[in-house]
Amino acid sequence: MQSAIAICNVALSTHLGAATIRALEGPSPEAEACNLHYDRVRRSLLQRFPWYWASRREVLVEETLNDRAGAWAHKYARPAHLVAIRWVNHPAAARMSLEAGRSPDSLRELTATAIYSDMADAVIEYTRDETDPTLFPPAFADALAASIGAAIAMAITKDVAKKKDAEQAAALLLDQAMAMDYNERPAVEQRHIPPNLAVRGIV
């Protein structure tokens, strides 16, 4: 079964040629490095791309007191497990924008606890802070392992060449994971190419 320890062990053995671990809380330098960087790198990868497998859609909950009423008509509570907003809109309007090859997002402002918008009864699509490794697609897990390897390379190996190799592998595997994720979404959503892919020329 895929687990955080298994992903870290791929980072250690495949990308760094280092000893594997049995627990993230272990006393070894490898365990300490993985424990320090695993969650940070995982969240960073989730934030970088509108992963279809990690997306959630829900109706936003409006707050009673709008402290920015002069700028925005509505204040909504920020979802607890939000890593990155993909859009705030009405689903029908978002779909029309996607069909036209435009961004489905609308004007809005985000803070640590709230989302401000002029849209009533707004719906949000966002990337969830997914922590369950069994839900990670294999390509994402591979990219995560390589990225962790790059993050801990110097602490474990003190080898600049191994760090560069891990960074190159991480970049390649992340590109592949993003392209695979993009190709799995409905055709209507493929008309709007995320900037991450457009810049790279992947699709």
N, C-alpha and C. Protein backbone atom coordinates (compact mmCIF):
# COMPACT_ATOMS: atom_id res chain seq x y z
N MET A 1 0.85 -1.20 0.00
CA MET A 1 0.00 0.00 0.00
C MET A 1 0.88 1.25 0.00
N GLN A 2 0.48 2.22 -0.80
CA GLN A 2 1.24 3.47 -0.87
C GLN A 2 1.09 4.24 0.45
N SER A 3 2.20 4.73 0.96
CA SER A 3 2.21 5.45 2.23
C SER A 3 3.26 6.55 2.18
N ALA A 4 3.22 7.44 3.17
CA ALA A 4 4.23 8.50 3.25
C ALA A 4 5.62 7.89 3.40
N ILE A 5 5.73 6.82 4.18
CA ILE A 5 7.03 6.17 4.37
C ILE A 5 7.52 5.57 3.07
N ALA A 6 6.62 4.92 2.32
CA ALA A 6 7.00 4.32 1.04
C ALA A 6 7.48 5.39 0.06
N ILE A 7 6.78 6.52 0.02
CA ILE A 7 7.18 7.61 -0.88
C ILE A 7 8.55 8.15 -0.47
N CYS A 8 8.76 8.32 0.82
CA CYS A 8 10.07 8.80 1.29
C CYS A 8 11.17 7.80 1.00
N ASN A 9 10.85 6.52 1.08
CA ASN A 9 11.86 5.51 0.79
C ASN A 9 12.24 5.48 -0.69
N VAL A 10 11.29 5.79 -1.56
CA VAL A 10 11.63 5.95 -2.98
C VAL A 10 12.57 7.14 -3.15
N ALA A 11 12.27 8.23 -2.44
CA ALA A 11 13.14 9.41 -2.50
C ALA A 11 14.56 9.05 -2.06
N LEU A 12 14.66 8.30 -0.98
CA LEU A 12 15.97 7.96 -0.42
C LEU A 12 16.72 6.94 -1.27
N SER A 13 16.05 5.86 -1.64
CA SER A 13 16.76 4.77 -2.32
C SER A 13 16.94 5.02 -3.81
N THR A 14 15.88 5.45 -4.48
CA THR A 14 15.94 5.62 -5.93
C THR A 14 16.71 6.87 -6.34
N HIS A 15 16.45 7.97 -5.66
CA HIS A 15 17.02 9.25 -6.09
C HIS A 15 18.33 9.62 -5.38
N LEU A 16 18.56 9.06 -4.19
CA LEU A 16 19.77 9.43 -3.45
C LEU A 16 20.69 8.26 -3.15
N GLY A 17 20.22 7.04 -3.34
CA GLY A 17 21.04 5.89 -3.00
C GLY A 17 21.34 5.80 -1.52
N ALA A 18 20.38 6.24 -0.70
CA ALA A 18 20.57 6.29 0.75
C ALA A 18 19.77 5.18 1.44
N ALA A 19 20.01 5.02 2.73
CA ALA A 19 19.30 4.02 3.52
C ALA A 19 17.83 4.40 3.66
N THR A 20 16.97 3.39 3.70
CA THR A 20 15.54 3.64 3.85
C THR A 20 15.18 3.75 5.33
N ILE A 21 13.91 4.10 5.59
CA ILE A 21 13.45 4.31 6.96
C ILE A 21 12.23 3.43 7.24
N ARG A 22 11.94 3.24 8.52
CA ARG A 22 10.76 2.48 8.92
C ARG A 22 9.67 3.38 9.48
N ALA A 23 10.05 4.58 9.89
CA ALA A 23 9.08 5.53 10.46
C ALA A 23 9.60 6.95 10.26
N LEU A 24 8.68 7.88 10.04
CA LEU A 24 9.08 9.28 9.87
C LEU A 24 9.60 9.86 11.18
N GLU A 25 9.19 9.28 12.30
CA GLU A 25 9.61 9.80 13.60
C GLU A 25 10.89 9.13 14.10
N GLY A 26 11.57 8.38 13.25
CA GLY A 26 12.78 7.68 13.65
C GLY A 26 13.93 8.63 13.95
N PRO A 27 14.99 8.11 14.60
CA PRO A 27 16.11 8.96 15.03
C PRO A 27 17.18 9.17 13.96
N SER A 28 17.08 8.48 12.83
CA SER A 28 18.12 8.58 11.81
C SER A 28 18.06 9.91 11.08
N PRO A 29 19.17 10.37 10.50
CA PRO A 29 19.16 11.60 9.71
C PRO A 29 18.18 11.52 8.54
N GLU A 30 18.05 10.33 7.95
CA GLU A 30 17.12 10.16 6.82
C GLU A 30 15.68 10.39 7.27
N ALA A 31 15.32 9.81 8.41
CA ALA A 31 13.96 9.98 8.92
C ALA A 31 13.69 11.43 9.31
N GLU A 32 14.65 12.05 9.96
CA GLU A 32 14.47 13.45 10.37
C GLU A 32 14.30 14.36 9.16
N ALA A 33 15.07 14.13 8.11
CA ALA A 33 14.97 14.96 6.91
C ALA A 33 13.63 14.75 6.21
N CYS A 34 13.20 13.50 6.10
CA CYS A 34 11.92 13.22 5.46
C CYS A 34 10.76 13.81 6.27
N ASN A 35 10.83 13.68 7.59
CA ASN A 35 9.78 14.21 8.45
C ASN A 35 9.70 15.73 8.35
N LEU A 36 10.84 16.37 8.17
CA LEU A 36 10.88 17.83 8.06
C LEU A 36 10.27 18.31 6.75
N HIS A 37 10.52 17.60 5.66
CA HIS A 37 10.17 18.11 4.34
C HIS A 37 8.93 17.49 3.70
N TYR A 38 8.47 16.34 4.16
CA TYR A 38 7.40 15.63 3.46
C TYR A 38 6.15 16.49 3.28
N ASP A 39 5.59 16.99 4.37
CA ASP A 39 4.34 17.76 4.26
C ASP A 39 4.53 19.05 3.48
N ARG A 40 5.64 19.71 3.68
CA ARG A 40 5.89 20.96 2.97
C ARG A 40 5.94 20.73 1.46
N VAL A 41 6.66 19.72 1.04
CA VAL A 41 6.79 19.44 -0.39
C VAL A 41 5.45 18.96 -0.96
N ARG A 42 4.74 18.13 -0.20
CA ARG A 42 3.42 17.66 -0.65
C ARG A 42 2.47 18.82 -0.92
N ARG A 43 2.39 19.75 0.02
CA ARG A 43 1.51 20.90 -0.14
C ARG A 43 1.96 21.79 -1.30
N SER A 44 3.25 21.92 -1.47
CA SER A 44 3.78 22.73 -2.57
C SER A 44 3.36 22.16 -3.92
N LEU A 45 3.46 20.84 -4.08
CA LEU A 45 3.06 20.23 -5.34
C LEU A 45 1.56 20.34 -5.57
N LEU A 46 0.78 20.19 -4.51
CA LEU A 46 -0.67 20.34 -4.64
C LEU A 46 -1.04 21.75 -5.08
N GLN A 47 -0.31 22.73 -4.58
CA GLN A 47 -0.62 24.13 -4.88
C GLN A 47 -0.25 24.52 -6.30
N ARG A 48 0.69 23.84 -6.91
CA ARG A 48 1.24 24.27 -8.19
C ARG A 48 0.35 24.02 -9.40
N PHE A 49 -0.65 23.15 -9.27
CA PHE A 49 -1.41 22.74 -10.44
C PHE A 49 -2.84 22.40 -10.03
N PRO A 50 -3.83 22.66 -10.89
CA PRO A 50 -5.23 22.32 -10.56
C PRO A 50 -5.49 20.82 -10.75
N TRP A 51 -4.91 20.02 -9.87
CA TRP A 51 -5.04 18.56 -9.98
C TRP A 51 -6.50 18.14 -10.00
N TYR A 52 -6.88 17.40 -11.01
CA TYR A 52 -8.27 16.96 -11.14
C TYR A 52 -8.65 16.01 -10.01
N TRP A 53 -7.70 15.15 -9.63
CA TRP A 53 -7.99 14.14 -8.61
C TRP A 53 -8.12 14.75 -7.22
N ALA A 54 -7.56 15.94 -7.01
CA ALA A 54 -7.60 16.57 -5.69
C ALA A 54 -8.58 17.74 -5.64
N SER A 55 -9.39 17.91 -6.67
CA SER A 55 -10.31 19.06 -6.72
C SER A 55 -11.59 18.75 -5.95
N ARG A 56 -12.14 19.78 -5.34
CA ARG A 56 -13.41 19.69 -4.63
C ARG A 56 -14.26 20.89 -5.04
N ARG A 57 -15.57 20.70 -5.03
CA ARG A 57 -16.48 21.79 -5.36
C ARG A 57 -17.56 21.85 -4.30
N GLU A 58 -17.83 23.05 -3.79
CA GLU A 58 -18.86 23.20 -2.78
C GLU A 58 -19.42 24.61 -2.78
N VAL A 59 -20.62 24.75 -2.22
CA VAL A 59 -21.24 26.06 -2.07
C VAL A 59 -20.57 26.77 -0.90
N LEU A 60 -20.15 28.00 -1.12
CA LEU A 60 -19.49 28.75 -0.06
C LEU A 60 -20.49 29.18 1.00
N VAL A 61 -20.03 29.22 2.24
CA VAL A 61 -20.88 29.63 3.37
C VAL A 61 -20.67 31.12 3.60
N GLU A 62 -21.75 31.90 3.50
CA GLU A 62 -21.63 33.35 3.65
C GLU A 62 -21.56 33.75 5.12
N GLU A 63 -20.66 34.68 5.41
CA GLU A 63 -20.51 35.21 6.76
C GLU A 63 -21.56 36.30 7.00
N THR A 64 -22.00 36.42 8.26
CA THR A 64 -23.00 37.43 8.60
C THR A 64 -22.43 38.84 8.52
N LEU A 65 -21.20 39.01 9.02
CA LEU A 65 -20.57 40.33 9.04
C LEU A 65 -19.55 40.42 7.92
N ASN A 66 -19.77 41.38 7.03
CA ASN A 66 -18.82 41.63 5.93
C ASN A 66 -18.00 42.87 6.28
N ASP A 67 -16.74 42.67 6.65
CA ASP A 67 -15.90 43.78 7.07
C ASP A 67 -15.31 44.55 5.89
N ARG A 68 -15.62 44.14 4.67
CA ARG A 68 -15.15 44.85 3.48
C ARG A 68 -16.32 45.13 2.54
N ALA A 69 -17.44 45.52 3.16
CA ALA A 69 -18.66 45.74 2.40
C ALA A 69 -18.50 46.85 1.36
N GLY A 70 -17.60 47.78 1.62
CA GLY A 70 -17.40 48.85 0.65
C GLY A 70 -16.72 48.39 -0.62
N ALA A 71 -16.03 47.26 -0.54
CA ALA A 71 -15.30 46.74 -1.71
C ALA A 71 -15.95 45.52 -2.32
N TRP A 72 -16.58 44.68 -1.47
CA TRP A 72 -17.16 43.43 -1.95
C TRP A 72 -18.57 43.25 -1.38
N ALA A 73 -19.44 42.69 -2.19
CA ALA A 73 -20.83 42.52 -1.77
C ALA A 73 -21.01 41.35 -0.80
N HIS A 74 -20.12 40.37 -0.87
CA HIS A 74 -20.29 39.18 -0.04
C HIS A 74 -18.96 38.73 0.57
N LYS A 75 -19.06 38.21 1.79
CA LYS A 75 -17.91 37.61 2.46
C LYS A 75 -18.25 36.16 2.77
N TYR A 76 -17.38 35.24 2.34
CA TYR A 76 -17.60 33.82 2.55
C TYR A 76 -16.48 33.23 3.42
N ALA A 77 -16.83 32.19 4.15
CA ALA A 77 -15.82 31.48 4.94
C ALA A 77 -14.92 30.67 4.02
N ARG A 78 -13.65 30.70 4.28
CA ARG A 78 -12.69 29.93 3.50
C ARG A 78 -12.78 28.45 3.90
N PRO A 79 -12.90 27.54 2.94
CA PRO A 79 -12.93 26.11 3.28
C PRO A 79 -11.69 25.69 4.07
N ALA A 80 -11.88 24.81 5.03
CA ALA A 80 -10.82 24.47 5.97
C ALA A 80 -9.62 23.80 5.31
N HIS A 81 -9.85 22.97 4.30
CA HIS A 81 -8.75 22.19 3.72
C HIS A 81 -8.31 22.72 2.36
N LEU A 82 -8.50 24.00 2.14
CA LEU A 82 -8.15 24.61 0.86
C LEU A 82 -6.65 24.83 0.75
N VAL A 83 -6.07 24.37 -0.37
CA VAL A 83 -4.67 24.65 -0.68
C VAL A 83 -4.57 25.74 -1.73
N ALA A 84 -5.45 25.69 -2.73
CA ALA A 84 -5.45 26.69 -3.80
C ALA A 84 -6.84 26.79 -4.41
N ILE A 85 -7.29 28.01 -4.66
CA ILE A 85 -8.57 28.22 -5.34
C ILE A 85 -8.38 28.04 -6.83
N ARG A 86 -9.30 27.34 -7.46
CA ARG A 86 -9.30 27.22 -8.91
C ARG A 86 -10.30 28.19 -9.52
N TRP A 87 -11.47 28.29 -8.93
CA TRP A 87 -12.40 29.34 -9.34
C TRP A 87 -13.48 29.54 -8.28
N VAL A 88 -14.04 30.75 -8.29
CA VAL A 88 -15.24 31.10 -7.52
C VAL A 88 -16.23 31.66 -8.53
N ASN A 89 -17.38 31.01 -8.67
CA ASN A 89 -18.30 31.38 -9.73
C ASN A 89 -19.59 30.60 -9.54
N HIS A 90 -20.55 30.79 -10.45
CA HIS A 90 -21.67 29.87 -10.57
C HIS A 90 -21.23 28.75 -11.50
N PRO A 91 -21.55 27.50 -11.21
CA PRO A 91 -21.10 26.39 -12.05
C PRO A 91 -21.43 26.56 -13.53
N ALA A 92 -22.62 27.07 -13.83
CA ALA A 92 -23.00 27.23 -15.24
C ALA A 92 -22.11 28.26 -15.92
N ALA A 93 -21.82 29.36 -15.22
CA ALA A 93 -20.95 30.40 -15.79
C ALA A 93 -19.52 29.88 -15.94
N ALA A 94 -19.06 29.10 -14.97
CA ALA A 94 -17.72 28.52 -15.06
C ALA A 94 -17.62 27.58 -16.25
N ARG A 95 -18.67 26.79 -16.46
CA ARG A 95 -18.66 25.85 -17.58
C ARG A 95 -18.64 26.58 -18.92
N MET A 96 -19.42 27.66 -19.01
CA MET A 96 -19.43 28.44 -20.26
C MET A 96 -18.05 29.02 -20.55
N SER A 97 -17.37 29.49 -19.52
CA SER A 97 -16.03 30.04 -19.71
C SER A 97 -15.06 28.95 -20.18
N LEU A 98 -15.16 27.77 -19.56
CA LEU A 98 -14.29 26.67 -19.96
C LEU A 98 -14.54 26.26 -21.41
N GLU A 99 -15.81 26.22 -21.80
CA GLU A 99 -16.15 25.85 -23.17
C GLU A 99 -15.60 26.85 -24.17
N ALA A 100 -15.47 28.11 -23.73
CA ALA A 100 -14.94 29.16 -24.60
C ALA A 100 -13.42 29.27 -24.50
N GLY A 101 -12.80 28.40 -23.70
CA GLY A 101 -11.35 28.43 -23.55
C GLY A 101 -10.85 29.53 -22.64
N ARG A 102 -11.74 30.05 -21.77
CA ARG A 102 -11.36 31.12 -20.85
C ARG A 102 -11.25 30.58 -19.43
N SER A 103 -10.62 31.36 -18.57
CA SER A 103 -10.55 31.00 -17.17
C SER A 103 -11.95 30.99 -16.56
N PRO A 104 -12.28 29.98 -15.76
CA PRO A 104 -13.61 29.93 -15.15
C PRO A 104 -13.73 30.78 -13.89
N ASP A 105 -12.67 31.45 -13.49
CA ASP A 105 -12.67 32.21 -12.24
C ASP A 105 -13.37 33.54 -12.41
N SER A 106 -13.74 34.15 -11.28
CA SER A 106 -14.34 35.48 -11.26
C SER A 106 -13.52 36.36 -10.33
N LEU A 107 -13.82 37.66 -10.32
CA LEU A 107 -13.11 38.57 -9.43
C LEU A 107 -13.38 38.21 -7.98
N ARG A 108 -12.34 38.18 -7.18
CA ARG A 108 -12.47 37.81 -5.77
C ARG A 108 -11.21 38.19 -5.03
N GLU A 109 -11.30 38.15 -3.70
CA GLU A 109 -10.14 38.42 -2.85
C GLU A 109 -10.06 37.32 -1.79
N LEU A 110 -8.86 36.86 -1.54
CA LEU A 110 -8.66 35.77 -0.59
C LEU A 110 -7.82 36.23 0.59
N THR A 111 -8.25 35.88 1.80
CA THR A 111 -7.44 36.10 3.00
C THR A 111 -7.25 34.75 3.70
N ALA A 112 -6.62 34.78 4.85
CA ALA A 112 -6.35 33.53 5.57
C ALA A 112 -7.63 32.85 6.04
N THR A 113 -8.70 33.62 6.21
CA THR A 113 -9.94 33.04 6.75
C THR A 113 -11.16 33.27 5.89
N ALA A 114 -11.07 34.12 4.87
CA ALA A 114 -12.27 34.50 4.13
C ALA A 114 -12.02 34.64 2.63
N ILE A 115 -13.13 34.60 1.89
CA ILE A 115 -13.13 34.86 0.45
C ILE A 115 -14.17 35.94 0.19
N TYR A 116 -13.76 37.02 -0.45
CA TYR A 116 -14.66 38.13 -0.76
C TYR A 116 -15.01 38.09 -2.24
N SER A 117 -16.28 38.34 -2.54
CA SER A 117 -16.75 38.28 -3.92
C SER A 117 -17.99 39.15 -4.07
N ASP A 118 -18.27 39.54 -5.31
CA ASP A 118 -19.52 40.25 -5.60
C ASP A 118 -20.62 39.28 -6.02
N MET A 119 -20.33 38.01 -6.02
CA MET A 119 -21.26 37.00 -6.50
C MET A 119 -22.08 36.41 -5.36
N ALA A 120 -23.39 36.43 -5.50
CA ALA A 120 -24.27 35.82 -4.51
C ALA A 120 -24.32 34.31 -4.72
N ASP A 121 -24.48 33.58 -3.62
CA ASP A 121 -24.59 32.11 -3.69
C ASP A 121 -23.43 31.50 -4.48
N ALA A 122 -22.24 31.96 -4.21
CA ALA A 122 -21.07 31.53 -4.98
C ALA A 122 -20.69 30.09 -4.67
N VAL A 123 -20.15 29.45 -5.70
CA VAL A 123 -19.62 28.09 -5.58
C VAL A 123 -18.12 28.16 -5.80
N ILE A 124 -17.38 27.35 -5.07
CA ILE A 124 -15.93 27.33 -5.21
C ILE A 124 -15.46 25.97 -5.70
N GLU A 125 -14.48 25.98 -6.58
CA GLU A 125 -13.74 24.76 -6.90
C GLU A 125 -12.31 25.01 -6.46
N TYR A 126 -11.77 24.08 -5.69
CA TYR A 126 -10.45 24.29 -5.12
C TYR A 126 -9.68 22.98 -5.02
N THR A 127 -8.39 23.11 -4.83
CA THR A 127 -7.55 21.95 -4.57
C THR A 127 -7.53 21.70 -3.07
N ARG A 128 -7.90 20.49 -2.70
CA ARG A 128 -7.95 20.11 -1.30
C ARG A 128 -6.56 19.73 -0.80
N ASP A 129 -6.31 20.01 0.46
CA ASP A 129 -5.06 19.59 1.10
C ASP A 129 -5.15 18.09 1.39
N GLU A 130 -4.96 17.30 0.34
CA GLU A 130 -5.14 15.85 0.45
C GLU A 130 -3.92 15.22 1.12
N THR A 131 -4.15 14.58 2.25
CA THR A 131 -3.06 14.00 3.03
C THR A 131 -2.97 12.48 2.92
N ASP A 132 -3.99 11.85 2.37
CA ASP A 132 -4.03 10.39 2.29
C ASP A 132 -3.22 9.90 1.09
N PRO A 133 -2.05 9.31 1.30
CA PRO A 133 -1.20 8.89 0.18
C PRO A 133 -1.84 7.83 -0.70
N THR A 134 -2.80 7.07 -0.17
CA THR A 134 -3.44 6.04 -0.98
C THR A 134 -4.28 6.64 -2.09
N LEU A 135 -4.58 7.93 -2.00
CA LEU A 135 -5.36 8.61 -3.04
C LEU A 135 -4.48 9.28 -4.08
N PHE A 136 -3.17 9.34 -3.86
CA PHE A 136 -2.27 9.96 -4.83
C PHE A 136 -2.15 9.07 -6.06
N PRO A 137 -2.37 9.60 -7.26
CA PRO A 137 -2.09 8.82 -8.46
C PRO A 137 -0.60 8.45 -8.51
N PRO A 138 -0.25 7.34 -9.14
CA PRO A 138 1.16 6.93 -9.19
C PRO A 138 2.09 8.01 -9.72
N ALA A 139 1.65 8.74 -10.75
CA ALA A 139 2.52 9.77 -11.34
C ALA A 139 2.78 10.90 -10.34
N PHE A 140 1.76 11.28 -9.57
CA PHE A 140 1.95 12.32 -8.55
C PHE A 140 2.88 11.82 -7.45
N ALA A 141 2.70 10.57 -7.04
CA ALA A 141 3.56 10.00 -6.00
C ALA A 141 5.01 9.96 -6.47
N ASP A 142 5.23 9.63 -7.74
CA ASP A 142 6.59 9.62 -8.28
C ASP A 142 7.21 11.02 -8.25
N ALA A 143 6.41 12.02 -8.65
CA ALA A 143 6.91 13.40 -8.64
C ALA A 143 7.18 13.87 -7.21
N LEU A 144 6.33 13.47 -6.28
CA LEU A 144 6.52 13.83 -4.87
C LEU A 144 7.80 13.20 -4.32
N ALA A 145 8.03 11.94 -4.64
CA ALA A 145 9.24 11.26 -4.15
C ALA A 145 10.50 11.95 -4.68
N ALA A 146 10.51 12.27 -5.96
CA ALA A 146 11.68 12.94 -6.54
C ALA A 146 11.87 14.32 -5.93
N SER A 147 10.77 15.02 -5.69
CA SER A 147 10.86 16.36 -5.11
C SER A 147 11.38 16.31 -3.68
N ILE A 148 10.94 15.31 -2.93
CA ILE A 148 11.47 15.13 -1.57
C ILE A 148 12.96 14.80 -1.64
N GLY A 149 13.33 13.95 -2.59
CA GLY A 149 14.74 13.62 -2.77
C GLY A 149 15.58 14.86 -3.01
N ALA A 150 15.08 15.75 -3.86
CA ALA A 150 15.80 16.99 -4.15
C ALA A 150 15.90 17.87 -2.91
N ALA A 151 14.83 17.89 -2.10
CA ALA A 151 14.80 18.74 -0.91
C ALA A 151 15.77 18.27 0.17
N ILE A 152 15.97 16.96 0.27
CA ILE A 152 16.80 16.43 1.36
C ILE A 152 18.19 15.99 0.89
N ALA A 153 18.47 16.15 -0.38
CA ALA A 153 19.71 15.62 -0.95
C ALA A 153 20.97 16.09 -0.23
N MET A 154 21.08 17.38 -0.01
CA MET A 154 22.30 17.90 0.61
C MET A 154 22.43 17.47 2.07
N ALA A 155 21.31 17.42 2.77
CA ALA A 155 21.35 17.00 4.17
C ALA A 155 21.78 15.55 4.31
N ILE A 156 21.41 14.72 3.34
CA ILE A 156 21.70 13.29 3.44
C ILE A 156 23.01 12.91 2.77
N THR A 157 23.27 13.47 1.59
CA THR A 157 24.43 13.01 0.81
C THR A 157 25.58 14.00 0.74
N LYS A 158 25.29 15.29 0.97
CA LYS A 158 26.31 16.35 0.80
C LYS A 158 26.87 16.34 -0.63
N ASP A 159 26.08 15.85 -1.57
CA ASP A 159 26.53 15.67 -2.96
C ASP A 159 25.72 16.57 -3.88
N VAL A 160 26.36 17.61 -4.42
CA VAL A 160 25.67 18.57 -5.29
C VAL A 160 25.14 17.88 -6.55
N ALA A 161 25.90 16.94 -7.09
CA ALA A 161 25.48 16.25 -8.31
C ALA A 161 24.20 15.45 -8.08
N LYS A 162 24.09 14.79 -6.93
CA LYS A 162 22.88 14.03 -6.63
C LYS A 162 21.69 14.96 -6.45
N LYS A 163 21.93 16.12 -5.86
CA LYS A 163 20.85 17.09 -5.70
C LYS A 163 20.36 17.56 -7.07
N LYS A 164 21.28 17.87 -7.97
CA LYS A 164 20.89 18.32 -9.31
C LYS A 164 20.15 17.23 -10.07
N ASP A 165 20.61 16.00 -9.94
CA ASP A 165 19.94 14.88 -10.60
C ASP A 165 18.51 14.71 -10.08
N ALA A 166 18.35 14.84 -8.77
CA ALA A 166 17.02 14.71 -8.17
C ALA A 166 16.12 15.86 -8.60
N GLU A 167 16.68 17.06 -8.70
CA GLU A 167 15.90 18.22 -9.15
C GLU A 167 15.44 18.03 -10.59
N GLN A 168 16.31 17.51 -11.45
CA GLN A 168 15.94 17.27 -12.84
C GLN A 168 14.86 16.20 -12.94
N ALA A 169 15.01 15.14 -12.16
CA ALA A 169 14.01 14.08 -12.16
C ALA A 169 12.67 14.60 -11.65
N ALA A 170 12.71 15.43 -10.61
CA ALA A 170 11.49 16.00 -10.04
C ALA A 170 10.76 16.86 -11.06
N ALA A 171 11.50 17.69 -11.79
CA ALA A 171 10.88 18.56 -12.80
C ALA A 171 10.25 17.74 -13.91
N LEU A 172 10.95 16.72 -14.38
CA LEU A 172 10.43 15.87 -15.45
C LEU A 172 9.20 15.10 -15.01
N LEU A 173 9.26 14.50 -13.83
CA LEU A 173 8.14 13.71 -13.33
C LEU A 173 6.93 14.58 -13.02
N LEU A 174 7.16 15.81 -12.55
CA LEU A 174 6.05 16.71 -12.29
C LEU A 174 5.36 17.11 -13.59
N ASP A 175 6.14 17.40 -14.63
CA ASP A 175 5.57 17.71 -15.94
C ASP A 175 4.72 16.54 -16.44
N GLN A 176 5.23 15.33 -16.30
CA GLN A 176 4.50 14.15 -16.76
C GLN A 176 3.21 13.96 -15.97
N ALA A 177 3.28 14.17 -14.65
CA ALA A 177 2.09 14.02 -13.81
C ALA A 177 1.03 15.05 -14.16
N MET A 178 1.44 16.29 -14.42
CA MET A 178 0.49 17.33 -14.78
C MET A 178 -0.17 17.03 -16.12
N ALA A 179 0.61 16.58 -17.09
CA ALA A 179 0.06 16.26 -18.41
C ALA A 179 -0.93 15.10 -18.32
N MET A 180 -0.60 14.08 -17.55
CA MET A 180 -1.50 12.94 -17.39
C MET A 180 -2.80 13.36 -16.70
N ASP A 181 -2.68 14.20 -15.69
CA ASP A 181 -3.86 14.68 -14.98
C ASP A 181 -4.75 15.50 -15.91
N TYR A 182 -4.14 16.36 -16.70
CA TYR A 182 -4.90 17.20 -17.64
C TYR A 182 -5.66 16.34 -18.64
N ASN A 183 -5.03 15.30 -19.13
CA ASN A 183 -5.64 14.44 -20.14
C ASN A 183 -6.77 13.58 -19.60
N GLU A 184 -6.86 13.46 -18.28
CA GLU A 184 -7.91 12.64 -17.68
C GLU A 184 -9.19 13.42 -17.40
N ARG A 185 -9.14 14.74 -17.52
CA ARG A 185 -10.33 15.53 -17.20
C ARG A 185 -11.28 15.57 -18.39
N PRO A 186 -12.56 15.95 -18.16
CA PRO A 186 -13.53 16.00 -19.26
C PRO A 186 -13.07 16.89 -20.40
N ALA A 187 -13.51 16.56 -21.61
CA ALA A 187 -13.06 17.30 -22.80
C ALA A 187 -13.37 18.78 -22.71
N VAL A 188 -14.51 19.15 -22.10
CA VAL A 188 -14.88 20.56 -22.02
C VAL A 188 -13.86 21.34 -21.21
N GLU A 189 -13.24 20.70 -20.21
CA GLU A 189 -12.26 21.39 -19.37
C GLU A 189 -10.90 21.46 -20.04
N GLN A 190 -10.69 20.68 -21.08
CA GLN A 190 -9.40 20.71 -21.78
C GLN A 190 -9.30 21.88 -22.75
N ARG A 191 -10.39 22.61 -22.92
CA ARG A 191 -10.34 23.77 -23.82
C ARG A 191 -9.62 24.94 -23.17
N HIS A 192 -9.56 24.93 -21.84
CA HIS A 192 -8.79 25.96 -21.13
C HIS A 192 -7.53 25.31 -20.60
N ILE A 193 -6.38 25.66 -21.17
CA ILE A 193 -5.11 25.06 -20.78
C ILE A 193 -4.54 25.83 -19.60
N PRO A 194 -4.30 25.16 -18.46
CA PRO A 194 -3.72 25.85 -17.31
C PRO A 194 -2.39 26.50 -17.67
N PRO A 195 -2.09 27.67 -17.12
CA PRO A 195 -0.84 28.36 -17.45
C PRO A 195 0.40 27.50 -17.23
N ASN A 196 0.35 26.61 -16.21
CA ASN A 196 1.51 25.75 -15.93
C ASN A 196 1.89 24.92 -17.14
N LEU A 197 0.87 24.43 -17.86
CA LEU A 197 1.12 23.59 -19.02
C LEU A 197 1.39 24.43 -20.26
N ALA A 198 0.70 25.56 -20.38
CA ALA A 198 0.89 26.41 -21.56
C ALA A 198 2.33 26.92 -21.63
N VAL A 199 2.88 27.32 -20.49
CA VAL A 199 4.25 27.83 -20.46
C VAL A 199 5.24 26.74 -20.86
N ARG A 200 4.98 25.52 -20.40
CA ARG A 200 5.89 24.42 -20.68
C ARG A 200 5.70 23.83 -22.07
N GLY A 201 4.55 24.11 -22.70
CA GLY A 201 4.27 23.53 -24.00
C GLY A 201 4.06 22.03 -23.94
N ILE A 202 3.54 21.55 -22.79
CA ILE A 202 3.37 20.11 -22.59
C ILE A 202 2.19 19.58 -23.38
N VAL A 203 1.10 20.36 -23.45
CA VAL A 203 -0.08 19.90 -24.18
C VAL A 203 -0.42 20.92 -25.26
